[in-house]
Amino acid sequence: MNRKKFLQTLALLPIAGAAMKLNELSKMTEPLGGTERMPVLFLGHGSPMNAIEENEFVAGFRKIGKELPKPNAVLCISAHWETRGTFVTAMEKPRTIHDFGGFPKALFDVQYPAPGSPALAKETQSAITKTQVGLDEKWGLDHGAWSVIKHLYPNADVPVIQMSLDYNQPPQYHYELAKELASLRNKGVLIVGSGNMVHNLGMVAWDRLNDAEYGFDWAIEASEKMKSHIRSGDHQKLVNFRSQGRAFDLAIPTPEHYLPLLYALALQEKDEAVQLFNDKAVAGSLTMTSLSIGKA
């Protein structure tokens, strides 16, 4: 925004609120400053209905949101934005995308009006050298992002941008790309991967949707092996998930919900512990397992 336009905008604001608006605008447009290293999250987002329902998983999201230091901004890698190439959202006001069907009107009525951050988009673009990153003005926040971030920051007062998943690239590529985001953690950016470790919609046990906790044997086997590798720090086995056997193949029929986990794990430093939460299977073929890395 040039100086003339800025002053015109400021003139439209009530005098009493001008100082506050100026401060807010400054936070959204200036480059991010240095902070202590922010934690990293992987959130098992599950059904879009988690955006409006009250359940133990929603409670888990809210709890972790209260325990974390409040970030300057959030960078979310969602399972629901796949592209050819890599992009980051760069608009000031990202729209709330209702990228699903067959759910109640109440879910489609949800809006999450968090601001964007063109400054963070450009900083993310600059941080990545592995590939050229495009600045996107059309996408917004899909349900993989807003359905969980709304529980972390219900006032929508933290800027949020998304980074897409390049569907042409193998898991190792995504893991290495994620490492280039590490510098953002020292600038108050909370990096969130949003997907599900076990996610096979084609095998959902529709007759067990109301069970408190239910997973098929293969789903439990895959989940336990994944958690074992996470706890031991053996990320390479998780990157090479296609060579881990039948349980993994059933748990990850397509990679988009699993890859955000690799983005989170790639950012783990040697001195950082991993904590699991929401660690349950649902509907036979899904797990809600989430994790925080480096939480204070």
Protein backbone atom coordinates (compact mmCIF):
# COMPACT_ATOMS: atom_id res chain seq x y z
CA MET A 1 0.00 0.00 0.00
CA ASN A 2 1.50 3.38 -1.00
CA ARG A 3 1.61 6.30 1.42
CA LYS A 4 -1.22 8.24 -0.24
CA LYS A 5 -3.61 5.30 -0.18
CA PHE A 6 -2.59 4.49 3.38
CA LEU A 7 -3.41 8.00 4.57
CA GLN A 8 -6.72 7.96 2.72
CA THR A 9 -7.64 4.71 4.47
CA LEU A 10 -6.57 6.02 7.85
CA ALA A 11 -8.69 9.16 7.38
CA LEU A 12 -11.80 7.00 7.14
CA LEU A 13 -11.21 5.47 10.57
CA PRO A 14 -12.73 6.86 13.78
CA ILE A 15 -10.07 8.98 15.54
CA ALA A 16 -10.38 7.02 18.76
CA GLY A 17 -9.57 3.78 16.98
CA ALA A 18 -6.93 5.08 14.61
CA ALA A 19 -3.96 4.16 16.76
CA MET A 20 -5.24 0.62 17.25
CA LYS A 21 -5.98 0.19 13.52
CA LEU A 22 -2.57 1.55 12.62
CA ASN A 23 -0.92 -0.95 14.96
CA GLU A 24 -2.93 -3.85 13.50
CA LEU A 25 -2.14 -2.80 9.95
CA SER A 26 1.54 -2.52 10.79
CA LYS A 27 1.58 -6.10 12.07
CA MET A 28 0.00 -7.33 8.84
CA THR A 29 2.27 -5.47 6.42
CA GLU A 30 5.71 -5.21 7.99
CA PRO A 31 8.27 -8.04 7.73
CA LEU A 32 8.14 -10.45 10.64
CA GLY A 33 10.62 -9.82 13.42
CA GLY A 34 12.66 -12.29 15.45
CA THR A 35 11.14 -14.35 18.27
CA GLU A 36 11.90 -17.48 20.23
CA ARG A 37 11.47 -20.64 18.15
CA MET A 38 7.79 -21.43 17.71
CA PRO A 39 6.45 -24.98 18.06
CA VAL A 40 5.13 -26.94 15.07
CA LEU A 41 1.81 -28.80 14.87
CA PHE A 42 0.34 -31.64 12.88
CA LEU A 43 -3.44 -31.73 13.32
CA GLY A 44 -5.62 -34.68 12.39
CA HIS A 45 -8.55 -32.66 11.09
CA GLY A 46 -11.04 -35.45 10.37
CA SER A 47 -14.57 -34.55 9.30
CA PRO A 48 -15.42 -30.93 8.43
CA MET A 49 -18.14 -31.24 11.07
CA ASN A 50 -15.42 -30.84 13.68
CA ALA A 51 -15.66 -27.15 12.83
CA ILE A 52 -19.09 -26.89 14.52
CA GLU A 53 -19.43 -29.96 16.75
CA GLU A 54 -18.40 -30.27 20.36
CA ASN A 55 -16.29 -33.38 20.93
CA GLU A 56 -13.04 -34.52 22.50
CA PHE A 57 -11.02 -33.71 19.38
CA VAL A 58 -12.24 -30.13 19.26
CA ALA A 59 -11.41 -29.89 22.97
CA GLY A 60 -7.90 -31.13 22.14
CA PHE A 61 -7.43 -28.42 19.52
CA ARG A 62 -8.60 -25.74 21.93
CA LYS A 63 -6.34 -27.01 24.69
CA ILE A 64 -3.22 -26.97 22.53
CA GLY A 65 -4.12 -23.50 21.28
CA LYS A 66 -4.16 -22.20 24.86
CA GLU A 67 -0.86 -23.89 25.71
CA LEU A 68 1.12 -22.46 22.79
CA PRO A 69 2.62 -18.98 22.70
CA LYS A 70 0.43 -16.80 20.51
CA PRO A 71 2.06 -16.57 17.07
CA ASN A 72 2.55 -13.59 14.81
CA ALA A 73 1.03 -15.66 12.01
CA VAL A 74 0.13 -19.21 10.97
CA LEU A 75 1.43 -21.04 7.91
CA CYS A 76 -0.78 -24.05 7.17
CA ILE A 77 -0.02 -26.95 4.84
CA SER A 78 -3.42 -28.52 4.22
CA ALA A 79 -4.28 -31.83 2.57
CA HIS A 80 -6.96 -29.99 0.60
CA TRP A 81 -4.84 -27.72 -1.56
CA GLU A 82 -3.00 -29.74 -4.20
CA THR A 83 -1.43 -27.95 -7.13
CA ARG A 84 1.05 -28.37 -9.96
CA GLY A 85 3.97 -26.50 -8.44
CA THR A 86 4.11 -24.80 -5.04
CA PHE A 87 2.10 -21.72 -4.09
CA VAL A 88 1.39 -19.62 -1.01
CA THR A 89 -1.70 -17.50 -0.48
CA ALA A 90 -0.79 -13.82 -0.63
CA MET A 91 -4.08 -11.95 -0.29
CA GLU A 92 -4.87 -9.64 2.64
CA LYS A 93 -8.33 -11.16 3.21
CA PRO A 94 -8.48 -14.87 2.37
CA ARG A 95 -11.97 -16.24 1.74
CA THR A 96 -13.40 -19.15 3.71
CA ILE A 97 -13.64 -22.06 1.25
CA HIS A 98 -16.39 -24.65 1.78
CA ASP A 99 -14.75 -27.39 -0.25
CA PHE A 100 -17.13 -30.23 0.58
CA GLY A 101 -20.69 -31.37 0.00
CA GLY A 102 -23.55 -33.14 1.74
CA PHE A 103 -23.20 -31.41 5.11
CA PRO A 104 -25.70 -29.26 7.04
CA LYS A 105 -26.26 -25.63 6.09
CA ALA A 106 -24.81 -24.60 9.46
CA LEU A 107 -21.40 -25.78 8.29
CA PHE A 108 -21.62 -23.83 5.03
CA ASP A 109 -22.58 -20.75 7.03
CA VAL A 110 -19.29 -20.78 8.94
CA GLN A 111 -16.92 -17.96 8.07
CA TYR A 112 -13.41 -17.68 9.48
CA PRO A 113 -12.34 -14.09 8.71
CA ALA A 114 -8.69 -14.32 9.73
CA PRO A 115 -6.51 -11.84 7.84
CA GLY A 116 -3.89 -13.02 5.41
CA SER A 117 -0.29 -11.88 5.40
CA PRO A 118 1.26 -10.81 2.10
CA ALA A 119 4.46 -10.15 4.06
CA LEU A 120 4.64 -13.75 5.29
CA ALA A 121 3.79 -15.04 1.81
CA LYS A 122 6.76 -13.16 0.37
CA GLU A 123 9.01 -14.23 3.23
CA THR A 124 8.01 -17.86 2.65
CA GLN A 125 8.69 -17.45 -1.05
CA SER A 126 12.15 -16.08 -0.26
CA ALA A 127 12.95 -18.81 2.27
CA ILE A 128 12.44 -21.62 -0.24
CA THR A 129 15.23 -22.29 -2.71
CA LYS A 130 14.31 -25.84 -3.70
CA THR A 131 11.64 -24.65 -6.10
CA GLN A 132 10.01 -21.49 -7.35
CA VAL A 133 7.06 -20.54 -5.15
CA GLY A 134 4.15 -18.68 -6.67
CA LEU A 135 2.07 -16.05 -4.88
CA ASP A 136 -1.63 -16.97 -5.07
CA GLU A 137 -4.48 -14.43 -4.92
CA LYS A 138 -7.42 -16.80 -5.56
CA TRP A 139 -7.44 -19.71 -3.11
CA GLY A 140 -8.09 -18.65 0.49
CA LEU A 141 -8.51 -20.96 3.50
CA ASP A 142 -9.88 -24.45 2.80
CA HIS A 143 -11.52 -26.60 5.46
CA GLY A 144 -8.27 -28.39 6.21
CA ALA A 145 -7.08 -25.04 7.55
CA TRP A 146 -10.04 -23.14 8.97
CA SER A 147 -11.93 -26.07 10.53
CA VAL A 148 -9.07 -26.60 12.99
CA ILE A 149 -7.42 -23.17 13.22
CA LYS A 150 -10.77 -21.68 14.29
CA HIS A 151 -10.46 -23.74 17.47
CA LEU A 152 -6.88 -22.62 18.09
CA TYR A 153 -7.70 -18.94 17.54
CA PRO A 154 -11.48 -18.49 17.72
CA ASN A 155 -11.26 -14.70 17.45
CA ALA A 156 -9.67 -14.98 13.99
CA ASP A 157 -7.07 -12.46 15.16
CA VAL A 158 -3.96 -14.26 13.88
CA PRO A 159 -3.02 -13.90 10.18
CA VAL A 160 -3.15 -17.20 8.28
CA ILE A 161 -1.62 -18.22 4.97
CA GLN A 162 -1.58 -21.60 3.24
CA MET A 163 1.11 -23.37 1.24
CA SER A 164 0.03 -25.89 -1.38
CA LEU A 165 1.13 -29.47 -1.94
CA ASP A 166 2.74 -30.15 -5.32
CA TYR A 167 1.05 -33.41 -6.32
CA ASN A 168 3.79 -34.20 -8.86
CA GLN A 169 6.51 -34.55 -6.25
CA PRO A 170 7.56 -37.60 -4.18
CA PRO A 171 7.52 -37.68 -0.35
CA GLN A 172 11.26 -37.04 -0.02
CA TYR A 173 10.86 -33.83 -1.98
CA HIS A 174 8.16 -32.58 0.41
CA TYR A 175 10.25 -33.51 3.45
CA GLU A 176 13.26 -31.58 2.13
CA LEU A 177 11.14 -28.62 1.07
CA ALA A 178 9.64 -28.39 4.55
CA LYS A 179 13.09 -28.03 6.10
CA GLU A 180 13.51 -24.73 4.28
CA LEU A 181 10.67 -23.28 6.32
CA ALA A 182 12.64 -23.58 9.57
CA SER A 183 13.70 -19.92 9.66
CA LEU A 184 10.07 -18.84 9.90
CA ARG A 185 9.76 -20.50 13.30
CA ASN A 186 12.15 -17.88 14.68
CA LYS A 187 9.89 -15.12 13.40
CA GLY A 188 6.81 -16.05 15.38
CA VAL A 189 5.25 -18.26 12.70
CA LEU A 190 3.30 -21.31 13.82
CA ILE A 191 3.62 -23.94 11.09
CA VAL A 192 0.67 -26.33 10.98
CA GLY A 193 0.32 -29.48 8.90
CA SER A 194 -3.33 -30.50 8.59
CA GLY A 195 -4.36 -33.95 7.37
CA ASN A 196 -4.77 -37.43 8.86
CA MET A 197 -2.11 -40.06 9.44
CA VAL A 198 -4.55 -42.86 8.60
CA HIS A 199 -7.12 -41.74 6.02
CA ASN A 200 -9.01 -44.23 3.85
CA LEU A 201 -12.49 -42.89 3.08
CA GLY A 202 -13.19 -45.81 0.79
CA MET A 203 -13.17 -48.20 3.76
CA VAL A 204 -15.02 -46.12 6.37
CA ALA A 205 -17.20 -48.21 8.69
CA TRP A 206 -20.36 -46.17 8.30
CA ASP A 207 -22.17 -48.40 10.81
CA ARG A 208 -19.57 -47.53 13.49
CA LEU A 209 -19.53 -43.74 13.13
CA ASN A 210 -20.92 -43.25 16.61
CA ASP A 211 -18.43 -45.52 18.33
CA ALA A 212 -16.19 -43.61 20.72
CA GLU A 213 -13.09 -45.32 19.35
CA TYR A 214 -12.94 -47.89 16.57
CA GLY A 215 -10.22 -48.84 14.11
CA PHE A 216 -9.71 -51.79 11.78
CA ASP A 217 -6.76 -54.01 12.61
CA TRP A 218 -4.71 -52.64 9.70
CA ALA A 219 -5.47 -49.05 10.74
CA ILE A 220 -4.32 -49.71 14.29
CA GLU A 221 -1.21 -51.53 13.03
CA ALA A 222 -0.26 -48.66 10.74
CA SER A 223 -0.97 -46.07 13.41
CA GLU A 224 1.16 -47.82 16.01
CA LYS A 225 4.08 -48.21 13.60
CA MET A 226 3.84 -44.56 12.58
CA LYS A 227 3.87 -43.45 16.20
CA SER A 228 6.81 -45.72 16.96
CA HIS A 229 8.83 -44.14 14.14
CA ILE A 230 7.79 -40.66 15.28
CA ARG A 231 8.89 -41.35 18.86
CA SER A 232 12.21 -42.84 17.76
CA GLY A 233 12.89 -40.02 15.30
CA ASP A 234 13.09 -42.45 12.36
CA HIS A 235 11.65 -40.05 9.82
CA GLN A 236 13.08 -41.90 6.84
CA LYS A 237 10.77 -44.88 7.34
CA LEU A 238 7.86 -42.45 7.41
CA VAL A 239 9.11 -40.73 4.26
CA ASN A 240 9.42 -44.15 2.59
CA PHE A 241 5.88 -45.11 3.58
CA ARG A 242 5.30 -47.03 0.35
CA SER A 243 7.79 -49.68 1.48
CA GLN A 244 6.29 -50.27 4.91
CA GLY A 245 3.80 -53.01 4.03
CA ARG A 246 0.10 -53.63 3.51
CA ALA A 247 -1.13 -51.79 6.60
CA PHE A 248 0.55 -48.57 5.42
CA ASP A 249 -0.81 -49.06 1.90
CA LEU A 250 -4.35 -49.30 3.25
CA ALA A 251 -3.81 -46.40 5.65
CA ILE A 252 -2.44 -44.13 2.90
CA PRO A 253 -4.25 -44.98 -0.36
CA THR A 254 -3.43 -41.47 -1.60
CA PRO A 255 -0.73 -39.29 -0.05
CA GLU A 256 -2.35 -35.85 0.35
CA HIS A 257 -3.60 -36.35 3.93
CA TYR A 258 -0.32 -37.95 5.01
CA LEU A 259 2.15 -35.47 3.51
CA PRO A 260 1.36 -32.65 5.98
CA LEU A 261 2.74 -34.95 8.69
CA LEU A 262 6.08 -35.03 6.86
CA TYR A 263 6.12 -31.22 6.73
CA ALA A 264 5.76 -31.08 10.51
CA LEU A 265 8.33 -33.80 11.23
CA ALA A 266 10.90 -32.28 8.87
CA LEU A 267 10.97 -29.21 11.12
CA GLN A 268 11.79 -31.13 14.31
CA GLU A 269 15.16 -30.14 15.74
CA LYS A 270 17.34 -32.60 17.67
CA ASP A 271 16.53 -30.98 21.01
CA GLU A 272 12.77 -31.05 20.49
CA ALA A 273 10.34 -33.61 21.87
CA VAL A 274 7.09 -34.70 20.23
CA GLN A 275 3.83 -34.87 22.17
CA LEU A 276 0.80 -36.74 20.84
CA PHE A 277 -2.81 -35.76 21.48
CA ASN A 278 -6.25 -36.66 20.06
CA ASP A 279 -4.71 -40.08 19.55
CA LYS A 280 -7.74 -42.17 18.58
CA ALA A 281 -9.10 -44.07 15.59
CA VAL A 282 -12.59 -43.31 14.30
CA ALA A 283 -14.92 -44.97 11.80
CA GLY A 284 -12.53 -47.88 11.30
CA SER A 285 -10.25 -46.33 8.72
CA LEU A 286 -9.30 -42.89 10.09
CA THR A 287 -7.14 -41.64 12.94
CA MET A 288 -7.34 -38.24 14.58
CA THR A 289 -3.81 -38.49 15.98
CA SER A 290 -2.21 -35.06 16.26
CA LEU A 291 1.17 -33.93 17.53
CA SER A 292 3.05 -30.92 18.73
CA ILE A 293 6.78 -30.47 18.29
CA GLY A 294 8.82 -28.30 20.63
CA LYS A 295 5.87 -27.18 22.76
CA ALA A 296 7.03 -25.23 25.78
